[in-house]
Amino acid sequence: MTDDLYNDKVIALAGNIPRVGELDAPDVMTRKTSKLCGSWLEIDLAFEGGAVSDCALRLQACALGQAAAAILTGNIIGATPDEIVSARDALKAMLKDGGAPPEGRFADLALLQAVAEYPARQDSTMLAFNAAAEAVESARVEAA
């Protein structure tokens, strides 16, 4: 692996994930597993006024998956479902299609741009944002 894939910033993020644990009464909980590597993540979300008001997660993932989870949980409070889904879609485009890095509150995902060169690492890198997007979509359906 190259130094740009596991650079100091990525390693620092992986070692400092905010909001690890669980919520007492989440509005929604989602679990996702990477079939490729076995990484898994569970995320609890609570909503107020159409935005995320609280978040907690549990995970077992590689440093890249942990770094993405740290970016998610460090910036998710106050995010709308549309922002979360857009960030997931932009991350996927960045990793799989050479798209531009996400902008806005999740712009730090640009630190993971080198993962685009390593397809086997992309599923675990996407895990936190896939789970969060699934959770907010589930919450939308429940609220309807």
N, C-alpha and C. Protein backbone atom coordinates (compact mmCIF):
# COMPACT_ATOMS: atom_id res chain seq x y z
N MET A 1 0.85 -1.18 0.00
CA MET A 1 0.00 0.00 0.00
C MET A 1 0.89 1.24 0.00
N THR A 2 0.42 2.25 -0.63
CA THR A 2 1.21 3.46 -0.71
C THR A 2 0.99 4.35 0.50
N ASP A 3 1.92 5.27 0.69
CA ASP A 3 1.83 6.20 1.81
C ASP A 3 0.61 7.10 1.70
N ASP A 4 0.17 7.40 0.46
CA ASP A 4 -0.99 8.29 0.33
C ASP A 4 -2.29 7.60 0.72
N LEU A 5 -2.32 6.27 0.69
CA LEU A 5 -3.53 5.54 1.10
C LEU A 5 -3.68 5.56 2.62
N TYR A 6 -2.60 5.25 3.32
CA TYR A 6 -2.61 5.23 4.79
C TYR A 6 -1.73 6.36 5.31
N ASN A 7 -2.08 7.59 4.93
CA ASN A 7 -1.28 8.73 5.38
C ASN A 7 -1.58 9.06 6.83
N ASP A 8 -0.82 9.98 7.40
CA ASP A 8 -0.95 10.32 8.82
C ASP A 8 -2.35 10.81 9.18
N LYS A 9 -2.98 11.57 8.29
CA LYS A 9 -4.32 12.09 8.57
C LYS A 9 -5.35 10.96 8.62
N VAL A 10 -5.24 10.01 7.70
CA VAL A 10 -6.16 8.86 7.69
C VAL A 10 -5.98 8.04 8.96
N ILE A 11 -4.75 7.77 9.33
CA ILE A 11 -4.48 6.99 10.54
C ILE A 11 -4.98 7.73 11.78
N ALA A 12 -4.79 9.03 11.84
CA ALA A 12 -5.29 9.81 12.98
C ALA A 12 -6.80 9.74 13.07
N LEU A 13 -7.48 9.86 11.94
CA LEU A 13 -8.94 9.74 11.94
C LEU A 13 -9.38 8.36 12.43
N ALA A 14 -8.73 7.33 11.91
CA ALA A 14 -9.09 5.96 12.27
C ALA A 14 -8.95 5.70 13.77
N GLY A 15 -8.02 6.38 14.40
CA GLY A 15 -7.79 6.18 15.82
C GLY A 15 -8.60 7.10 16.72
N ASN A 16 -9.46 7.93 16.12
CA ASN A 16 -10.21 8.91 16.91
C ASN A 16 -11.64 9.04 16.37
N ILE A 17 -12.41 7.98 16.50
CA ILE A 17 -13.78 7.98 15.98
C ILE A 17 -14.71 8.55 17.05
N PRO A 18 -15.38 9.66 16.75
CA PRO A 18 -16.34 10.19 17.71
C PRO A 18 -17.62 9.35 17.73
N ARG A 19 -18.31 9.40 18.82
CA ARG A 19 -19.65 8.84 18.94
C ARG A 19 -19.72 7.33 18.85
N VAL A 20 -18.71 6.65 19.37
CA VAL A 20 -18.75 5.19 19.43
C VAL A 20 -19.62 4.81 20.62
N GLY A 21 -20.51 3.87 20.41
CA GLY A 21 -21.42 3.41 21.46
C GLY A 21 -22.79 3.18 20.88
N GLU A 22 -23.80 3.41 21.70
CA GLU A 22 -25.17 3.25 21.22
C GLU A 22 -26.07 4.29 21.87
N LEU A 23 -27.14 4.62 21.17
CA LEU A 23 -28.14 5.54 21.70
C LEU A 23 -29.17 4.76 22.49
N ASP A 24 -29.70 5.36 23.56
CA ASP A 24 -30.73 4.70 24.36
C ASP A 24 -32.01 4.49 23.57
N ALA A 25 -32.40 5.48 22.79
CA ALA A 25 -33.66 5.40 22.05
C ALA A 25 -33.50 5.98 20.64
N PRO A 26 -32.78 5.27 19.77
CA PRO A 26 -32.60 5.82 18.42
C PRO A 26 -33.91 5.79 17.64
N ASP A 27 -34.03 6.71 16.71
CA ASP A 27 -35.18 6.68 15.80
C ASP A 27 -35.02 5.58 14.77
N VAL A 28 -33.77 5.26 14.45
CA VAL A 28 -33.48 4.22 13.46
C VAL A 28 -32.10 3.64 13.73
N MET A 29 -31.95 2.34 13.45
CA MET A 29 -30.66 1.66 13.56
C MET A 29 -30.49 0.82 12.30
N THR A 30 -29.29 0.86 11.76
CA THR A 30 -28.97 0.06 10.57
C THR A 30 -27.64 -0.63 10.77
N ARG A 31 -27.57 -1.85 10.27
CA ARG A 31 -26.32 -2.62 10.28
C ARG A 31 -25.94 -2.94 8.84
N LYS A 32 -24.69 -2.71 8.50
CA LYS A 32 -24.18 -3.05 7.17
C LYS A 32 -22.90 -3.87 7.34
N THR A 33 -22.72 -4.81 6.42
CA THR A 33 -21.52 -5.64 6.41
C THR A 33 -20.93 -5.64 5.02
N SER A 34 -19.63 -5.55 4.96
CA SER A 34 -18.93 -5.66 3.68
C SER A 34 -18.74 -7.14 3.38
N LYS A 35 -19.33 -7.60 2.30
CA LYS A 35 -19.19 -9.01 1.93
C LYS A 35 -17.77 -9.33 1.49
N LEU A 36 -17.06 -8.33 1.01
CA LEU A 36 -15.72 -8.55 0.51
C LEU A 36 -14.71 -8.80 1.62
N CYS A 37 -14.80 -8.02 2.70
CA CYS A 37 -13.77 -8.13 3.74
C CYS A 37 -14.30 -8.49 5.13
N GLY A 38 -15.61 -8.47 5.31
CA GLY A 38 -16.18 -8.82 6.60
C GLY A 38 -16.30 -7.66 7.58
N SER A 39 -15.87 -6.48 7.19
CA SER A 39 -16.05 -5.31 8.06
C SER A 39 -17.54 -5.12 8.30
N TRP A 40 -17.90 -4.62 9.48
CA TRP A 40 -19.31 -4.35 9.76
C TRP A 40 -19.43 -3.06 10.55
N LEU A 41 -20.63 -2.48 10.49
CA LEU A 41 -20.91 -1.23 11.18
C LEU A 41 -22.40 -1.18 11.52
N GLU A 42 -22.70 -0.77 12.72
CA GLU A 42 -24.08 -0.50 13.15
C GLU A 42 -24.14 0.97 13.51
N ILE A 43 -25.18 1.65 13.03
CA ILE A 43 -25.33 3.07 13.32
C ILE A 43 -26.73 3.34 13.87
N ASP A 44 -26.77 4.11 14.95
CA ASP A 44 -28.03 4.60 15.54
C ASP A 44 -28.13 6.07 15.21
N LEU A 45 -29.32 6.50 14.78
CA LEU A 45 -29.55 7.91 14.51
C LEU A 45 -30.83 8.37 15.20
N ALA A 46 -30.79 9.60 15.67
CA ALA A 46 -31.97 10.28 16.19
C ALA A 46 -32.14 11.56 15.38
N PHE A 47 -33.38 11.96 15.18
CA PHE A 47 -33.69 13.13 14.36
C PHE A 47 -34.52 14.13 15.14
N GLU A 48 -34.31 15.39 14.80
CA GLU A 48 -35.12 16.48 15.33
C GLU A 48 -35.17 17.56 14.27
N GLY A 49 -36.35 18.01 13.95
CA GLY A 49 -36.50 19.08 12.97
C GLY A 49 -35.97 18.74 11.59
N GLY A 50 -36.03 17.48 11.21
CA GLY A 50 -35.60 17.08 9.88
C GLY A 50 -34.10 16.89 9.71
N ALA A 51 -33.35 16.93 10.81
CA ALA A 51 -31.90 16.75 10.74
C ALA A 51 -31.46 15.78 11.83
N VAL A 52 -30.27 15.26 11.69
CA VAL A 52 -29.72 14.33 12.68
C VAL A 52 -29.41 15.12 13.96
N SER A 53 -29.96 14.65 15.07
CA SER A 53 -29.72 15.30 16.35
C SER A 53 -28.77 14.50 17.24
N ASP A 54 -28.62 13.21 16.95
CA ASP A 54 -27.69 12.39 17.72
C ASP A 54 -27.32 11.17 16.89
N CYS A 55 -26.17 10.62 17.20
CA CYS A 55 -25.64 9.50 16.43
C CYS A 55 -24.71 8.69 17.32
N ALA A 56 -24.70 7.39 17.12
CA ALA A 56 -23.73 6.52 17.76
C ALA A 56 -23.49 5.34 16.83
N LEU A 57 -22.29 4.78 16.90
CA LEU A 57 -22.02 3.62 16.06
C LEU A 57 -21.11 2.64 16.75
N ARG A 58 -21.18 1.43 16.24
CA ARG A 58 -20.31 0.34 16.64
C ARG A 58 -19.74 -0.22 15.34
N LEU A 59 -18.46 -0.56 15.34
CA LEU A 59 -17.89 -1.05 14.10
C LEU A 59 -16.69 -1.93 14.32
N GLN A 60 -16.45 -2.74 13.31
CA GLN A 60 -15.21 -3.50 13.19
C GLN A 60 -14.82 -3.34 11.74
N ALA A 61 -13.80 -2.55 11.50
CA ALA A 61 -13.41 -2.23 10.13
C ALA A 61 -11.92 -1.91 10.09
N CYS A 62 -11.40 -1.89 8.88
CA CYS A 62 -10.01 -1.52 8.66
C CYS A 62 -9.82 -0.02 8.91
N ALA A 63 -8.60 0.43 8.82
CA ALA A 63 -8.30 1.85 9.06
C ALA A 63 -9.06 2.76 8.10
N LEU A 64 -9.24 2.35 6.86
CA LEU A 64 -9.97 3.18 5.90
C LEU A 64 -11.44 3.29 6.26
N GLY A 65 -12.04 2.16 6.64
CA GLY A 65 -13.43 2.18 7.09
C GLY A 65 -13.60 3.00 8.36
N GLN A 66 -12.64 2.89 9.26
CA GLN A 66 -12.68 3.67 10.49
C GLN A 66 -12.52 5.15 10.21
N ALA A 67 -11.65 5.51 9.28
CA ALA A 67 -11.45 6.92 8.94
C ALA A 67 -12.73 7.51 8.34
N ALA A 68 -13.38 6.77 7.45
CA ALA A 68 -14.65 7.25 6.87
C ALA A 68 -15.71 7.39 7.95
N ALA A 69 -15.75 6.44 8.89
CA ALA A 69 -16.71 6.52 10.00
C ALA A 69 -16.43 7.73 10.87
N ALA A 70 -15.17 8.05 11.08
CA ALA A 70 -14.81 9.22 11.88
C ALA A 70 -15.26 10.51 11.19
N ILE A 71 -15.09 10.57 9.88
CA ILE A 71 -15.54 11.75 9.14
C ILE A 71 -17.06 11.86 9.22
N LEU A 72 -17.75 10.75 9.07
CA LEU A 72 -19.21 10.76 9.17
C LEU A 72 -19.66 11.24 10.54
N THR A 73 -19.21 10.57 11.59
CA THR A 73 -19.71 10.88 12.93
C THR A 73 -19.23 12.23 13.44
N GLY A 74 -18.11 12.69 12.95
CA GLY A 74 -17.62 14.00 13.34
C GLY A 74 -18.39 15.16 12.74
N ASN A 75 -19.18 14.88 11.72
CA ASN A 75 -19.87 15.95 10.99
C ASN A 75 -21.37 15.73 10.80
N ILE A 76 -21.91 14.65 11.33
CA ILE A 76 -23.28 14.28 11.02
C ILE A 76 -24.34 15.07 11.80
N ILE A 77 -24.01 15.56 12.98
CA ILE A 77 -25.02 16.27 13.77
C ILE A 77 -25.43 17.54 13.02
N GLY A 78 -26.73 17.67 12.79
CA GLY A 78 -27.26 18.79 12.04
C GLY A 78 -27.43 18.51 10.56
N ALA A 79 -26.89 17.37 10.09
CA ALA A 79 -27.01 17.03 8.67
C ALA A 79 -28.42 16.57 8.34
N THR A 80 -28.88 16.96 7.18
CA THR A 80 -30.18 16.51 6.69
C THR A 80 -30.00 15.17 5.98
N PRO A 81 -31.09 14.43 5.85
CA PRO A 81 -31.00 13.19 5.06
C PRO A 81 -30.45 13.42 3.66
N ASP A 82 -30.84 14.50 3.02
CA ASP A 82 -30.34 14.78 1.67
C ASP A 82 -28.83 14.98 1.66
N GLU A 83 -28.29 15.66 2.68
CA GLU A 83 -26.84 15.85 2.76
C GLU A 83 -26.11 14.52 2.91
N ILE A 84 -26.67 13.64 3.70
CA ILE A 84 -26.03 12.34 3.94
C ILE A 84 -26.06 11.49 2.68
N VAL A 85 -27.20 11.44 2.02
CA VAL A 85 -27.31 10.67 0.78
C VAL A 85 -26.41 11.27 -0.29
N SER A 86 -26.37 12.58 -0.40
CA SER A 86 -25.50 13.23 -1.38
C SER A 86 -24.02 12.94 -1.11
N ALA A 87 -23.64 12.95 0.17
CA ALA A 87 -22.25 12.64 0.51
C ALA A 87 -21.92 11.20 0.15
N ARG A 88 -22.83 10.28 0.44
CA ARG A 88 -22.61 8.88 0.07
C ARG A 88 -22.44 8.74 -1.44
N ASP A 89 -23.33 9.40 -2.20
CA ASP A 89 -23.27 9.32 -3.66
C ASP A 89 -21.98 9.93 -4.20
N ALA A 90 -21.55 11.04 -3.62
CA ALA A 90 -20.31 11.69 -4.07
C ALA A 90 -19.09 10.84 -3.70
N LEU A 91 -19.11 10.22 -2.52
CA LEU A 91 -18.01 9.34 -2.13
C LEU A 91 -17.92 8.16 -3.09
N LYS A 92 -19.05 7.57 -3.41
CA LYS A 92 -19.07 6.45 -4.36
C LYS A 92 -18.53 6.89 -5.72
N ALA A 93 -18.97 8.04 -6.20
CA ALA A 93 -18.49 8.54 -7.49
C ALA A 93 -16.99 8.82 -7.45
N MET A 94 -16.50 9.35 -6.34
CA MET A 94 -15.07 9.63 -6.20
C MET A 94 -14.27 8.33 -6.25
N LEU A 95 -14.74 7.31 -5.55
CA LEU A 95 -13.99 6.07 -5.46
C LEU A 95 -14.10 5.20 -6.70
N LYS A 96 -15.27 5.17 -7.30
CA LYS A 96 -15.51 4.22 -8.38
C LYS A 96 -15.47 4.82 -9.78
N ASP A 97 -15.71 6.13 -9.89
CA ASP A 97 -15.83 6.75 -11.22
C ASP A 97 -14.89 7.92 -11.43
N GLY A 98 -13.98 8.17 -10.51
CA GLY A 98 -13.06 9.29 -10.65
C GLY A 98 -13.71 10.65 -10.45
N GLY A 99 -14.83 10.67 -9.75
CA GLY A 99 -15.54 11.93 -9.51
C GLY A 99 -14.81 12.82 -8.51
N ALA A 100 -15.31 14.03 -8.42
CA ALA A 100 -14.75 15.00 -7.47
C ALA A 100 -15.09 14.58 -6.04
N PRO A 101 -14.25 14.93 -5.08
CA PRO A 101 -14.56 14.63 -3.68
C PRO A 101 -15.82 15.35 -3.22
N PRO A 102 -16.49 14.79 -2.23
CA PRO A 102 -17.66 15.48 -1.68
C PRO A 102 -17.31 16.87 -1.16
N GLU A 103 -18.29 17.74 -1.17
CA GLU A 103 -18.10 19.09 -0.66
C GLU A 103 -18.95 19.27 0.59
N GLY A 104 -18.86 20.43 1.19
CA GLY A 104 -19.69 20.73 2.36
C GLY A 104 -19.17 20.07 3.61
N ARG A 105 -20.08 19.72 4.49
CA ARG A 105 -19.71 19.21 5.82
C ARG A 105 -18.89 17.93 5.78
N PHE A 106 -18.97 17.17 4.68
CA PHE A 106 -18.22 15.92 4.58
C PHE A 106 -17.03 16.03 3.62
N ALA A 107 -16.52 17.23 3.42
CA ALA A 107 -15.42 17.48 2.48
C ALA A 107 -14.14 16.73 2.86
N ASP A 108 -13.97 16.39 4.13
CA ASP A 108 -12.76 15.66 4.54
C ASP A 108 -12.67 14.28 3.89
N LEU A 109 -13.74 13.81 3.27
CA LEU A 109 -13.67 12.54 2.55
C LEU A 109 -12.64 12.60 1.42
N ALA A 110 -12.25 13.78 1.03
CA ALA A 110 -11.18 13.93 0.02
C ALA A 110 -9.89 13.26 0.49
N LEU A 111 -9.69 13.12 1.80
CA LEU A 111 -8.51 12.45 2.34
C LEU A 111 -8.45 10.98 1.92
N LEU A 112 -9.59 10.44 1.49
CA LEU A 112 -9.67 9.03 1.11
C LEU A 112 -9.65 8.83 -0.40
N GLN A 113 -9.32 9.86 -1.13
CA GLN A 113 -9.35 9.80 -2.59
C GLN A 113 -8.42 8.70 -3.15
N ALA A 114 -7.33 8.42 -2.50
CA ALA A 114 -6.40 7.39 -2.99
C ALA A 114 -7.02 6.00 -3.00
N VAL A 115 -8.09 5.79 -2.24
CA VAL A 115 -8.76 4.49 -2.21
C VAL A 115 -9.31 4.13 -3.59
N ALA A 116 -9.51 5.10 -4.43
CA ALA A 116 -10.01 4.84 -5.80
C ALA A 116 -9.08 3.89 -6.55
N GLU A 117 -7.81 3.87 -6.20
CA GLU A 117 -6.85 3.00 -6.88
C GLU A 117 -6.83 1.58 -6.32
N TYR A 118 -7.64 1.32 -5.28
CA TYR A 118 -7.64 0.03 -4.61
C TYR A 118 -9.08 -0.48 -4.48
N PRO A 119 -9.65 -1.06 -5.55
CA PRO A 119 -11.05 -1.49 -5.52
C PRO A 119 -11.40 -2.41 -4.34
N ALA A 120 -10.47 -3.23 -3.89
CA ALA A 120 -10.75 -4.13 -2.78
C ALA A 120 -10.96 -3.39 -1.46
N ARG A 121 -10.55 -2.13 -1.37
CA ARG A 121 -10.70 -1.33 -0.15
C ARG A 121 -11.95 -0.43 -0.19
N GLN A 122 -12.61 -0.36 -1.32
CA GLN A 122 -13.70 0.60 -1.48
C GLN A 122 -14.94 0.24 -0.66
N ASP A 123 -15.29 -1.05 -0.55
CA ASP A 123 -16.48 -1.43 0.21
C ASP A 123 -16.38 -1.02 1.67
N SER A 124 -15.24 -1.29 2.29
CA SER A 124 -15.11 -0.92 3.70
C SER A 124 -15.06 0.59 3.88
N THR A 125 -14.51 1.30 2.90
CA THR A 125 -14.47 2.76 2.96
C THR A 125 -15.88 3.34 2.84
N MET A 126 -16.72 2.70 2.07
CA MET A 126 -18.10 3.16 1.86
C MET A 126 -19.05 2.77 3.00
N LEU A 127 -18.65 1.84 3.84
CA LEU A 127 -19.54 1.22 4.80
C LEU A 127 -20.32 2.21 5.67
N ALA A 128 -19.66 3.16 6.29
CA ALA A 128 -20.33 4.09 7.20
C ALA A 128 -21.35 4.95 6.45
N PHE A 129 -20.98 5.42 5.27
CA PHE A 129 -21.90 6.27 4.52
C PHE A 129 -23.05 5.46 3.91
N ASN A 130 -22.77 4.21 3.53
CA ASN A 130 -23.87 3.35 3.06
C ASN A 130 -24.87 3.10 4.19
N ALA A 131 -24.36 2.83 5.38
CA ALA A 131 -25.24 2.57 6.53
C ALA A 131 -26.03 3.82 6.90
N ALA A 132 -25.38 4.97 6.94
CA ALA A 132 -26.07 6.21 7.30
C ALA A 132 -27.14 6.56 6.27
N ALA A 133 -26.82 6.40 4.98
CA ALA A 133 -27.80 6.69 3.94
C ALA A 133 -28.99 5.74 4.03
N GLU A 134 -28.71 4.46 4.28
CA GLU A 134 -29.80 3.50 4.44
C GLU A 134 -30.66 3.87 5.65
N ALA A 135 -30.02 4.28 6.73
CA ALA A 135 -30.76 4.65 7.94
C ALA A 135 -31.67 5.85 7.69
N VAL A 136 -31.15 6.88 7.02
CA VAL A 136 -32.00 8.06 6.80
C VAL A 136 -33.12 7.76 5.82
N GLU A 137 -32.86 6.90 4.84
CA GLU A 137 -33.92 6.50 3.92
C GLU A 137 -34.99 5.71 4.66
N SER A 138 -34.58 4.84 5.57
CA SER A 138 -35.52 4.08 6.39
C SER A 138 -36.34 5.00 7.27
N ALA A 139 -35.69 6.00 7.84
CA ALA A 139 -36.41 6.95 8.70
C ALA A 139 -37.43 7.75 7.88
N ARG A 140 -37.10 8.08 6.64
CA ARG A 140 -38.04 8.79 5.77
C ARG A 140 -39.29 7.95 5.52
N VAL A 141 -39.09 6.65 5.27
CA VAL A 141 -40.22 5.76 5.01
C VAL A 141 -41.07 5.62 6.26
N GLU A 142 -40.45 5.46 7.41
CA GLU A 142 -41.19 5.34 8.66
C GLU A 142 -41.97 6.60 8.98
N ALA A 143 -41.42 7.76 8.63
CA ALA A 143 -42.08 9.02 8.94
C ALA A 143 -43.26 9.30 7.99
N ALA A 144 -43.25 8.66 6.83
CA ALA A 144 -44.31 8.91 5.83
C ALA A 144 -45.63 8.29 6.20
